[in-house]
């Protein structure tokens, strides 16, 4: 069986922050930095120019504090930022290492002193605590996705690390006690839920649609989430894919799993001793991910390929070994076997064994471009081709 799970070409205008813009990006793909600017006496400072600059891509956004000294720099792609605050007659204040997470607000309070020759730079990291979000949300960061071991490298398996998550029928994930088909999936701000099956688009049969190496960050929204996530009755998985930066970097990987490495185990089923292999399969998974600049601070690329070759033995038990068959009279046994051999077109000597193949090729290509102050565009193409079929020479009579 061969199924083309999907081939999607999506243009995401990731951050149209223009006051009269025709497209309003939501927090589903971005984060925010907000706070207040004060002087040395803790009096609020209106009219301060606050600039947030992504240290990896050069993307910057600028706002001005209001009458109460407050500011909010929104529509920021997740990453590490440098915050500067400037006002005539005061020293420039800089906050380094400000982390912005998906769908959250990072609070940074800035203080300006009387103007002197030097500039004040705060090097301590700002705490990533969103005190404005009322919903129950758990973020899974890039470091966790890259470093935590996942069998099969499906990033969505990490949902099970979040509170209220559990396994459901059909390898789905149950959140907040809801059925597995009642969870929603959101990738790069676009709905990735199958309306017919109520699961991640591409289905649970295929290994995955997006490689672990292609996901930058995701969050699990369990309750009280905003209107853009109000479709699901369970919870929502909101994820974003990686983008390139000003530095060329990447990875290659190869994982091997051999059926001969599996341990035999014994179990009792209906009073009969059963010998079987536990997760015995031959599996090869390999791929790459690379990102970098096309034009520094302006245009960046990211490429990912993930490939799986899986061969899993399947068995059909010899009914002659079954206790119910053994208990039948000899004439009934002979009649049954004669009919089975007639249907098979040959003798039934032993059990029938064959290997099931599960092969997949997954690709993702992405370009991000800064088109000017407050404007960013992204172009993404991803494809997953999954094939599930018996191996060559299947249905051998052993």
Protein backbone atom coordinates (compact mmCIF):
# COMPACT_ATOMS: atom_id res chain seq x y z
CA UNK A 1 0.00 0.00 0.00
CA UNK A 2 1.38 3.37 -0.98
CA UNK A 3 0.02 6.62 0.40
CA UNK A 4 1.21 10.13 -0.35
CA UNK A 5 0.40 11.69 2.99
CA UNK A 6 0.79 15.24 1.81
CA UNK A 7 2.77 17.73 -0.15
CA UNK A 8 2.15 21.24 1.07
CA UNK A 9 3.33 24.56 -0.28
CA UNK A 10 2.50 27.28 2.22
CA UNK A 11 3.33 30.94 2.20
CA UNK A 12 3.32 32.31 5.74
CA UNK A 13 3.56 36.04 6.19
CA UNK A 14 5.00 35.61 9.65
CA UNK A 15 4.98 39.10 11.03
CA UNK A 16 3.04 41.81 9.30
CA UNK A 17 3.25 44.38 12.08
CA UNK A 18 2.18 47.31 9.95
CA UNK A 19 -0.56 49.41 11.50
CA UNK A 20 -2.67 49.10 8.36
CA UNK A 21 -1.46 45.62 7.40
CA UNK A 22 -3.82 43.27 5.63
CA UNK A 23 -2.62 40.20 7.56
CA UNK A 24 -2.50 39.97 11.35
CA UNK A 25 -0.16 37.28 12.69
CA UNK A 26 -1.19 35.73 16.00
CA UNK A 27 0.79 34.33 18.90
CA UNK A 28 0.50 30.83 17.40
CA UNK A 29 3.89 31.29 15.66
CA UNK A 30 5.49 34.09 17.68
CA UNK A 31 6.18 35.40 21.17
CA UNK A 32 6.37 38.82 22.83
CA UNK A 33 8.62 40.95 25.02
CA UNK A 34 6.89 43.47 27.27
CA UNK A 35 7.67 45.52 30.35
CA UNK A 36 8.15 49.03 31.71
CA UNK A 37 10.94 51.61 31.43
CA UNK A 38 11.74 53.74 34.50
CA UNK A 39 14.44 56.16 35.62
CA UNK A 40 16.72 55.82 38.65
CA UNK A 41 13.93 56.99 40.96
CA UNK A 42 11.52 54.39 39.52
CA UNK A 43 9.46 57.10 37.81
CA UNK A 44 7.97 55.91 34.51
CA UNK A 45 9.50 57.20 31.27
CA UNK A 46 7.22 57.79 28.27
CA UNK A 47 8.61 58.26 24.76
CA UNK A 48 11.51 55.78 25.19
CA UNK A 49 12.55 53.95 22.00
CA UNK A 50 12.76 50.22 22.72
CA UNK A 51 14.33 47.90 20.14
CA UNK A 52 14.35 44.09 20.19
CA UNK A 53 16.98 42.44 17.96
CA UNK A 54 17.29 38.71 17.31
CA UNK A 55 20.98 37.94 17.87
CA UNK A 56 20.91 34.98 15.45
CA UNK A 57 19.03 36.41 12.47
CA UNK A 58 19.36 40.19 12.87
CA UNK A 59 15.58 40.70 12.82
CA UNK A 60 14.66 43.81 14.82
CA UNK A 61 11.46 45.56 15.90
CA UNK A 62 11.11 48.97 17.51
CA UNK A 63 8.34 50.43 19.68
CA UNK A 64 7.95 53.54 21.85
CA UNK A 65 6.79 53.50 25.48
CA UNK A 66 3.42 54.98 26.27
CA UNK A 67 2.45 57.51 28.90
CA UNK A 68 2.75 54.94 31.68
CA UNK A 69 6.22 53.83 30.54
CA UNK A 70 4.98 50.46 29.32
CA UNK A 71 6.03 48.82 26.06
CA UNK A 72 5.23 45.61 24.19
CA UNK A 73 7.23 44.25 21.26
CA UNK A 74 5.03 41.61 19.66
CA UNK A 75 5.17 39.17 16.73
CA UNK A 76 8.71 38.04 17.56
CA UNK A 77 9.85 34.67 16.19
CA UNK A 78 11.09 32.54 19.13
CA UNK A 79 14.79 32.94 19.83
CA UNK A 80 17.37 34.96 21.78
CA UNK A 81 17.06 38.75 21.71
CA UNK A 82 18.93 41.87 22.77
CA UNK A 83 16.77 44.71 24.12
CA UNK A 84 17.92 48.34 24.02
CA UNK A 85 16.14 51.42 25.42
CA UNK A 86 17.10 54.96 24.31
CA UNK A 87 15.88 58.41 25.32
CA UNK A 88 17.56 61.77 24.86
CA UNK A 89 19.22 62.90 28.10
CA UNK A 90 19.57 59.33 29.43
CA UNK A 91 22.10 56.56 29.05
CA UNK A 92 21.20 53.72 26.70
CA UNK A 93 20.19 50.56 28.59
CA UNK A 94 20.74 47.11 27.08
CA UNK A 95 19.41 43.75 28.21
CA UNK A 96 21.18 40.71 26.72
CA UNK A 97 20.07 37.07 26.44
CA UNK A 98 16.34 37.62 26.48
CA UNK A 99 14.67 34.35 25.52
CA UNK A 100 11.37 34.46 23.65
CA UNK A 101 9.31 31.26 23.66
CA UNK A 102 6.41 30.32 21.45
CA UNK A 103 3.10 31.88 22.46
CA UNK A 104 4.45 33.51 25.63
CA UNK A 105 5.27 36.98 26.91
CA UNK A 106 8.73 37.58 28.39
CA UNK A 107 8.75 40.46 30.88
CA UNK A 108 11.79 42.76 30.90
CA UNK A 109 11.99 45.86 33.11
CA UNK A 110 14.50 48.49 31.96
CA UNK A 111 16.01 51.35 33.96
CA UNK A 112 17.63 54.44 32.43
CA UNK A 113 20.07 56.61 34.34
CA UNK A 114 21.20 60.20 33.78
CA UNK A 115 23.27 60.60 30.64
CA UNK A 116 26.98 59.83 31.04
CA UNK A 117 29.70 58.73 28.69
CA UNK A 118 29.20 54.99 29.18
CA UNK A 119 26.36 52.67 28.27
CA UNK A 120 24.74 50.35 30.80
CA UNK A 121 24.49 46.69 29.72
CA UNK A 122 22.66 44.10 31.81
CA UNK A 123 24.06 40.64 31.08
CA UNK A 124 21.88 38.56 33.38
CA UNK A 125 19.25 36.52 31.62
CA UNK A 126 15.71 37.77 31.91
CA UNK A 127 13.36 35.18 33.44
CA UNK A 128 10.99 33.60 30.94
CA UNK A 129 7.80 33.82 32.97
CA UNK A 130 4.54 34.74 31.30
CA UNK A 131 2.43 36.39 33.99
CA UNK A 132 -0.21 37.52 31.48
CA UNK A 133 -1.32 34.09 30.24
CA UNK A 134 -4.28 32.58 32.10
CA UNK A 135 -4.37 29.26 30.27
CA UNK A 136 -2.59 26.06 31.27
CA UNK A 137 0.30 25.87 28.80
CA UNK A 138 3.46 23.75 28.79
CA UNK A 139 6.34 24.60 26.43
CA UNK A 140 8.79 22.03 25.06
CA UNK A 141 11.96 23.85 24.01
CA UNK A 142 14.42 23.29 21.18
CA UNK A 143 17.00 21.89 23.60
CA UNK A 144 14.54 19.27 24.87
CA UNK A 145 13.48 18.24 21.36
CA UNK A 146 17.10 17.87 20.23
CA UNK A 147 18.46 16.07 23.31
CA UNK A 148 15.71 13.84 24.68
CA UNK A 149 15.76 10.33 23.16
CA UNK A 150 12.68 9.44 21.10
CA UNK A 151 12.10 5.98 19.60
CA UNK A 152 11.35 6.66 15.93
CA UNK A 153 12.14 10.40 16.23
CA UNK A 154 8.52 11.60 16.19
CA UNK A 155 8.61 14.91 18.06
CA UNK A 156 4.95 14.64 19.09
CA UNK A 157 5.89 11.73 21.41
CA UNK A 158 7.26 14.40 23.75
CA UNK A 159 3.67 15.43 24.46
CA UNK A 160 3.65 12.56 26.94
CA UNK A 161 6.09 14.54 29.11
CA UNK A 162 3.45 17.21 29.76
CA UNK A 163 0.90 17.03 32.62
CA UNK A 164 -2.46 15.54 31.70
CA UNK A 165 -1.15 13.61 28.69
CA UNK A 166 -1.48 9.88 28.15
CA UNK A 167 -1.58 7.25 25.42
CA UNK A 168 -4.88 6.59 23.66
CA UNK A 169 -6.25 4.07 21.16
CA UNK A 170 -4.52 3.93 17.78
CA UNK A 171 -1.23 5.44 19.03
CA UNK A 172 -2.97 8.77 19.58
CA UNK A 173 -2.43 11.06 22.56
CA UNK A 174 -5.14 11.78 25.11
CA UNK A 175 -5.04 15.19 26.81
CA UNK A 176 -7.10 16.21 29.82
CA UNK A 177 -8.90 12.87 29.73
CA UNK A 178 -10.41 13.55 26.31
CA UNK A 179 -10.41 10.97 23.53
CA UNK A 180 -7.33 10.84 21.32
CA UNK A 181 -9.31 12.05 18.29
CA UNK A 182 -10.31 15.24 20.14
CA UNK A 183 -6.83 16.82 20.21
CA UNK A 184 -5.88 19.51 17.70
CA UNK A 185 -2.57 20.03 15.89
CA UNK A 186 -1.25 23.38 14.70
CA UNK A 187 2.02 23.67 12.68
CA UNK A 188 3.48 27.08 11.75
CA UNK A 189 0.14 28.76 12.46
CA UNK A 190 -1.81 26.47 10.11
CA UNK A 191 -4.33 23.81 11.13
CA UNK A 192 -2.72 20.37 10.82
CA UNK A 193 -5.68 18.31 12.07
CA UNK A 194 -7.46 15.76 9.92
CA UNK A 195 -11.12 16.80 9.93
CA UNK A 196 -12.26 13.28 9.03
CA UNK A 197 -10.20 11.18 11.44
CA UNK A 198 -9.70 13.79 14.17
CA UNK A 199 -5.95 13.22 14.40
CA UNK A 200 -2.72 14.77 13.15
CA UNK A 201 -2.95 15.21 9.38
CA UNK A 202 -1.09 12.36 7.74
CA UNK A 203 -2.52 9.85 10.19
CA UNK A 204 -1.08 7.74 12.98
CA UNK A 205 -0.14 4.87 10.66
CA UNK A 206 2.80 6.73 9.10
CA UNK A 207 5.84 7.25 11.38
CA UNK A 208 5.45 11.05 11.26
CA UNK A 209 4.87 13.99 8.93
CA UNK A 210 7.48 16.37 10.40
CA UNK A 211 10.92 15.12 11.43
CA UNK A 212 12.22 15.71 14.94
CA UNK A 213 15.15 17.55 13.31
CA UNK A 214 12.74 20.03 11.67
CA UNK A 215 10.82 21.19 14.77
CA UNK A 216 12.13 24.17 16.71
CA UNK A 217 9.66 24.35 19.56
CA UNK A 218 6.11 23.43 20.51
CA UNK A 219 3.63 24.05 23.28
CA UNK A 220 0.70 22.08 24.64
CA UNK A 221 -2.31 24.25 25.45
CA UNK A 222 -4.50 22.37 27.89
CA UNK A 223 -7.26 24.84 28.74
CA UNK A 224 -8.38 28.47 28.60
CA UNK A 225 -6.48 29.00 25.37
CA UNK A 226 -7.12 31.90 23.03
CA UNK A 227 -9.69 32.09 20.26
CA UNK A 228 -7.28 30.99 17.54
CA UNK A 229 -7.05 27.58 19.25
CA UNK A 230 -10.73 27.22 20.15
CA UNK A 231 -11.47 24.36 17.75
CA UNK A 232 -10.54 21.40 19.94
CA UNK A 233 -12.45 20.00 22.91
CA UNK A 234 -9.35 18.32 24.33
CA UNK A 235 -6.13 20.27 23.97
CA UNK A 236 -3.95 21.77 21.23
CA UNK A 237 -0.39 21.00 20.14
CA UNK A 238 1.09 24.18 18.65
CA UNK A 239 4.48 23.75 16.93
CA UNK A 240 6.80 25.76 14.69
CA UNK A 241 9.47 24.50 12.31
CA UNK A 242 13.12 25.60 12.38
CA UNK A 243 14.57 28.51 10.43
CA UNK A 244 18.10 29.31 9.36
CA UNK A 245 20.31 31.85 11.15
CA UNK A 246 23.36 33.97 10.34
CA UNK A 247 25.60 31.00 11.19
CA UNK A 248 25.77 27.92 8.97
CA UNK A 249 25.06 24.85 11.08
CA UNK A 250 23.46 21.46 10.77
CA UNK A 251 23.44 17.80 11.70
CA UNK A 252 23.51 14.34 10.19
CA UNK A 253 22.17 11.27 11.96
CA UNK A 254 21.87 7.52 11.56
CA UNK A 255 20.07 5.08 13.84
CA UNK A 256 20.10 1.29 13.47
CA UNK A 257 17.83 -1.23 15.14
CA UNK A 258 18.20 -4.97 14.52
CA UNK A 259 15.62 -7.69 15.14
CA UNK A 260 18.39 -9.95 16.46
CA UNK A 261 19.00 -7.49 19.30
CA UNK A 262 15.51 -8.05 20.74
CA UNK A 263 15.08 -10.34 23.72
CA UNK A 264 12.68 -13.26 23.66
CA UNK A 265 9.98 -13.18 26.27
CA UNK A 266 7.49 -15.75 27.49
CA UNK A 267 3.86 -15.18 28.37
CA UNK A 268 0.81 -17.25 29.26
CA UNK A 269 -2.27 -16.85 27.09
CA UNK A 270 -5.33 -18.93 27.87
CA UNK A 271 -3.21 -21.36 29.82
CA UNK A 272 -0.88 -21.90 26.84
CA UNK A 273 2.78 -20.95 26.86
CA UNK A 274 3.54 -18.36 24.18
CA UNK A 275 7.03 -17.51 22.94
CA UNK A 276 7.43 -14.28 21.00
CA UNK A 277 9.82 -11.48 20.16
CA UNK A 278 9.41 -8.12 21.82
CA UNK A 279 9.47 -5.32 19.22
CA UNK A 280 11.68 -7.40 16.92
CA UNK A 281 12.33 -5.44 13.73
CA UNK A 282 15.06 -4.23 11.43
CA UNK A 283 15.03 -0.46 11.27
CA UNK A 284 17.32 2.11 9.68
CA UNK A 285 16.67 5.83 10.12
CA UNK A 286 18.99 8.44 8.70
CA UNK A 287 18.89 12.03 7.52
CA UNK A 288 20.20 15.55 7.77
CA UNK A 289 19.25 19.10 8.70
CA UNK A 290 21.13 22.25 7.67
CA UNK A 291 20.40 25.97 7.90
CA UNK A 292 22.24 29.21 7.31
CA UNK A 293 22.27 32.61 5.65
CA UNK A 294 21.60 33.44 2.03
CA UNK A 295 22.07 37.11 2.90
CA UNK A 296 23.07 37.92 6.47
CA UNK A 297 20.38 39.58 8.58
CA UNK A 298 17.97 39.39 5.61
CA UNK A 299 17.40 35.96 4.05
CA UNK A 300 17.94 32.53 5.61
CA UNK A 301 17.30 28.91 4.56
CA UNK A 302 16.65 25.59 6.27
CA UNK A 303 16.63 22.10 4.71
CA UNK A 304 15.75 18.74 6.27
CA UNK A 305 15.51 15.18 5.01
CA UNK A 306 14.50 12.18 7.16
CA UNK A 307 14.34 8.62 5.84
CA UNK A 308 13.15 5.36 7.43
CA UNK A 309 13.52 1.77 6.21
CA UNK A 310 11.70 -0.68 8.49
CA UNK A 311 11.25 -4.43 8.08
CA UNK A 312 9.09 -6.13 10.70
CA UNK A 313 8.39 -9.90 10.85
CA UNK A 314 4.76 -10.97 10.97
CA UNK A 315 3.53 -14.46 11.80
CA UNK A 316 0.35 -16.44 11.23
CA UNK A 317 0.21 -19.22 13.81
CA UNK A 318 -0.24 -22.84 12.76
CA UNK A 319 -3.74 -23.72 13.91
CA UNK A 320 -2.60 -27.32 14.43
CA UNK A 321 -0.76 -26.10 17.53
CA UNK A 322 -3.92 -24.66 19.06
CA UNK A 323 -5.51 -26.51 21.99
CA UNK A 324 -8.99 -26.14 20.49
CA UNK A 325 -7.85 -27.84 17.28
CA UNK A 326 -6.06 -30.60 19.12
CA UNK A 327 -9.26 -31.37 21.04
CA UNK A 328 -11.28 -31.98 17.88
CA UNK A 329 -11.98 -35.52 16.63
CA UNK A 330 -9.49 -36.76 14.04
CA UNK A 331 -12.05 -36.73 11.21
CA UNK A 332 -12.93 -33.08 11.87
CA UNK A 333 -9.26 -32.15 11.96
CA UNK A 334 -8.70 -33.87 8.61
CA UNK A 335 -11.73 -32.18 7.03
CA UNK A 336 -10.66 -28.76 8.28
CA UNK A 337 -7.07 -29.12 7.05
CA UNK A 338 -8.22 -30.40 3.68
CA UNK A 339 -10.37 -27.32 3.23
CA UNK A 340 -7.52 -24.98 4.31
CA UNK A 341 -5.05 -26.65 1.92
CA UNK A 342 -7.63 -26.36 -0.87
CA UNK A 343 -7.93 -22.62 -0.24
CA UNK A 344 -4.15 -22.18 -0.03
CA UNK A 345 -3.49 -24.29 -3.08
CA UNK A 346 -0.78 -26.24 -1.31
CA UNK A 347 0.08 -28.09 1.90
CA UNK A 348 0.06 -26.34 5.25
CA UNK A 349 3.37 -27.51 6.64
CA UNK A 350 4.14 -24.79 9.11
CA UNK A 351 3.10 -21.27 9.97
CA UNK A 352 3.20 -18.58 7.32
CA UNK A 353 5.77 -15.84 7.86
CA UNK A 354 6.45 -12.63 5.97
CA UNK A 355 8.06 -9.26 6.55
CA UNK A 356 6.07 -6.04 6.51
CA UNK A 357 7.90 -3.04 5.06
CA UNK A 358 7.37 0.47 6.37
CA UNK A 359 9.43 2.95 4.36
CA UNK A 360 9.15 6.72 4.49
CA UNK A 361 10.81 9.76 2.95
CA UNK A 362 10.18 13.13 4.60
CA UNK A 363 11.43 16.49 3.33
CA UNK A 364 11.18 20.09 4.47
CA UNK A 365 12.56 23.23 2.82
CA UNK A 366 12.07 26.72 4.23
CA UNK A 367 13.17 30.26 3.39
CA UNK A 368 12.68 33.23 5.73
CA UNK A 369 13.16 36.80 4.55
CA UNK A 370 13.12 40.13 6.35
CA UNK A 371 11.39 42.58 4.00
CA UNK A 372 11.86 45.69 6.09
CA UNK A 373 10.93 47.10 9.45
CA UNK A 374 8.28 44.91 11.02
CA UNK A 375 7.77 42.68 7.98
CA UNK A 376 8.88 39.09 7.55
CA UNK A 377 7.90 36.42 5.01
CA UNK A 378 8.35 32.64 5.11
CA UNK A 379 8.08 30.07 2.34
CA UNK A 380 7.83 26.40 3.36
CA UNK A 381 7.51 23.14 1.43
CA UNK A 382 7.18 19.80 3.16
CA UNK A 383 6.47 16.31 1.85
CA UNK A 384 6.03 12.87 3.43
CA UNK A 385 5.83 9.72 1.29
CA UNK A 386 4.93 6.59 3.29
CA UNK A 387 4.86 3.04 1.89
CA UNK A 388 3.58 0.02 3.81
CA UNK A 389 3.84 -3.26 1.90
CA UNK A 390 5.11 -6.85 2.25
CA UNK A 391 8.76 -7.36 1.44
CA UNK A 392 9.97 -9.15 -1.69
CA UNK A 393 9.50 -12.90 -1.34
CA UNK A 394 6.73 -12.51 1.23
CA UNK A 395 4.33 -15.31 2.12
CA UNK A 396 7.05 -17.95 2.14
CA UNK A 397 5.83 -21.27 3.56
CA UNK A 398 8.32 -22.25 6.27
